[in-house]
Protein backbone atom coordinates (compact mmCIF):
# COMPACT_ATOMS: atom_id res chain seq x y z
CA MET A 1 0.08 0.33 0.12
CA ILE A 2 2.97 2.35 0.87
CA GLU A 3 4.43 1.44 -2.49
CA ASN A 4 1.23 1.98 -4.35
CA TYR A 5 1.05 5.79 -2.47
CA VAL A 6 4.61 6.56 -3.42
CA VAL A 7 4.47 5.55 -7.09
CA HIS A 8 0.99 6.16 -8.05
CA GLY A 9 0.09 8.76 -5.82
CA PHE A 10 2.72 11.00 -4.55
CA ASP A 11 1.92 14.68 -5.86
CA SER A 12 5.54 16.13 -6.92
CA THR A 13 3.48 19.50 -7.31
CA LYS A 14 2.35 20.25 -3.37
CA LYS A 15 4.63 20.46 -0.70
CA ASP A 16 2.97 18.93 2.07
CA ASN A 17 2.03 15.01 0.91
CA TRP A 18 1.85 12.87 3.91
CA ILE A 19 0.35 9.08 3.97
CA CYS A 20 -1.13 7.73 7.43
CA ILE A 21 -1.20 4.91 8.68
CA LYS A 22 -3.70 3.57 11.70
CA GLY A 23 -3.98 0.42 13.00
CA SER A 24 -6.89 -0.59 15.95
CA MET A 25 -9.13 -3.54 17.18
CA ALA A 26 -12.48 -4.16 16.17
CA GLY A 27 -13.91 -7.31 18.22
CA GLN A 28 -11.71 -9.93 17.08
CA ASP A 29 -10.19 -8.52 13.91
CA ILE A 30 -7.38 -6.02 13.23
CA CYS A 31 -8.01 -3.00 11.48
CA PHE A 32 -5.79 -0.62 9.17
CA GLU A 33 -6.44 2.92 7.69
CA ILE A 34 -3.90 3.71 5.15
CA SER A 35 -5.04 7.23 3.40
CA ASP A 36 -3.04 9.65 1.89
CA ASN A 37 -3.47 13.19 0.75
CA GLY A 38 -1.72 12.23 -3.00
CA LYS A 39 -3.41 12.83 -6.65
CA GLY A 40 -6.36 10.28 -5.46
CA ILE A 41 -8.20 8.41 -8.28
CA ASP A 42 -11.22 9.24 -10.64
CA ALA A 43 -14.46 7.52 -9.93
CA VAL A 44 -14.35 5.68 -13.20
CA LYS A 45 -10.42 4.32 -12.89
CA LEU A 46 -12.18 3.64 -9.29
CA GLN A 47 -14.70 1.38 -10.54
CA GLU A 48 -12.18 -0.26 -12.80
CA ILE A 49 -10.35 -0.98 -9.79
CA LYS A 50 -12.82 -2.11 -7.45
CA GLU A 51 -14.73 -4.81 -10.01
CA GLY A 52 -11.28 -5.59 -10.79
CA LEU A 53 -10.24 -7.12 -6.99
CA SER A 54 -13.51 -8.28 -7.23
CA HIS A 55 -12.88 -10.56 -10.58
CA PRO A 56 -9.09 -10.51 -10.87
CA ASP A 57 -9.66 -12.77 -13.01
CA MET A 58 -10.55 -10.26 -15.71
CA ASN A 59 -8.38 -7.53 -13.99
CA ASP A 60 -6.38 -5.85 -16.75
CA ASP A 61 -6.05 -1.95 -15.43
CA GLY A 62 -2.86 -2.24 -14.31
CA SER A 63 -3.45 -2.79 -9.99
CA ILE A 64 -1.57 -5.81 -10.08
CA GLY A 65 -0.41 -4.89 -6.65
CA LEU A 66 -3.79 -3.87 -5.01
CA VAL A 67 -5.68 -7.43 -6.55
CA ASN A 68 -2.59 -9.35 -4.88
CA VAL A 69 -2.64 -8.57 -1.51
CA TYR A 70 -6.73 -8.51 -1.76
CA GLU A 71 -6.72 -11.84 -3.09
CA ARG A 72 -3.85 -13.26 -0.53
CA ILE A 73 -6.11 -11.80 2.20
CA LYS A 74 -9.04 -14.07 1.00
CA ILE A 75 -6.91 -17.00 0.93
CA VAL A 76 -5.25 -16.83 3.93
CA PHE A 77 -8.16 -15.49 6.27
CA GLY A 78 -11.19 -16.04 3.97
CA ASN A 79 -14.32 -14.57 2.10
CA GLU A 80 -15.09 -11.93 5.45
CA TYR A 81 -11.64 -10.29 5.26
CA GLY A 82 -10.29 -8.09 3.17
CA LEU A 83 -9.93 -4.37 1.50
CA ASP A 84 -11.98 -1.70 0.46
CA LEU A 85 -10.80 0.89 -1.55
CA ASP A 86 -11.74 4.68 -2.06
CA SER A 87 -10.28 7.90 -3.32
CA ILE A 88 -11.56 11.59 -4.42
CA LEU A 89 -9.92 12.57 -7.35
CA GLY A 90 -6.95 15.43 -6.63
CA GLN A 91 -7.73 14.86 -2.90
CA GLU A 92 -6.78 11.49 -1.24
CA THR A 93 -6.98 7.81 -1.30
CA ARG A 94 -8.16 5.57 1.67
CA ILE A 95 -7.59 1.87 1.92
CA ASN A 96 -9.11 -0.03 4.45
CA ILE A 97 -7.77 -3.54 5.36
CA ARG A 98 -9.54 -5.98 7.93
CA ILE A 99 -7.99 -9.23 9.13
CA PRO A 100 -8.32 -11.26 11.66
CA ALA A 101 -6.17 -11.14 15.40
CA LYS A 102 -4.53 -14.28 14.93
CA THR A 103 -0.86 -15.29 15.66
CA LYS A 104 1.03 -16.31 12.91
CA GLU A 105 1.37 -20.30 14.23
CA GLU A 106 -2.80 -20.02 14.47
CA ILE A 107 -2.81 -18.78 10.48
CA ARG A 108 0.15 -21.17 9.99
CA ASN A 109 -2.35 -24.53 11.30
CA LYS A 110 -5.52 -23.23 9.84
CA MET A 111 -3.63 -22.82 6.26
CA GLU A 112 -2.11 -27.00 7.16
CA GLU A 113 -5.74 -28.22 7.93
CA GLU A 114 -7.00 -26.71 4.94
CA LYS A 115 -3.80 -28.04 3.11
CA SER A 116 -4.91 -25.02 0.58
CA TYR A 117 -1.73 -22.85 0.77
CA LYS A 118 2.12 -23.46 1.87
CA PHE A 119 4.19 -21.18 3.62
C-alpha cells in the first residue's frame, strides 16, 4: 500500500504530501486504515479497480499489487476479510484492510489443515 502511494499517489506539485497508517482492533479483528492526500483516483478508474478486485481473472487495469494483496487476504483469512478502497480525485485515497487477530502459528495451522496454501 505504501509503494502504491509512492508510485501512483505522490503529488510532486505539492509540498505537503502525507500518508497516514492507523491500526485498531474491532472485536477479534485487526483493522488498518491507510490514507494519503495524494493525486487520488477518478471515479471511473476507481470503479474499474474495485471490479478488478472482485474479479481478478478479468483484471487488466494494472492494479496487480492491490489484487495480489486482496487475493492473499481472501486465501489466508477467508472471504469475510479483505480490503476496501475509496478515493477522491485530487484530494485523497483511503484503503481499509481487515484481518482476524491471529498468531502466525494459528494462521499456519489453519492453512496446513486446509492444505490450500503453503508457507
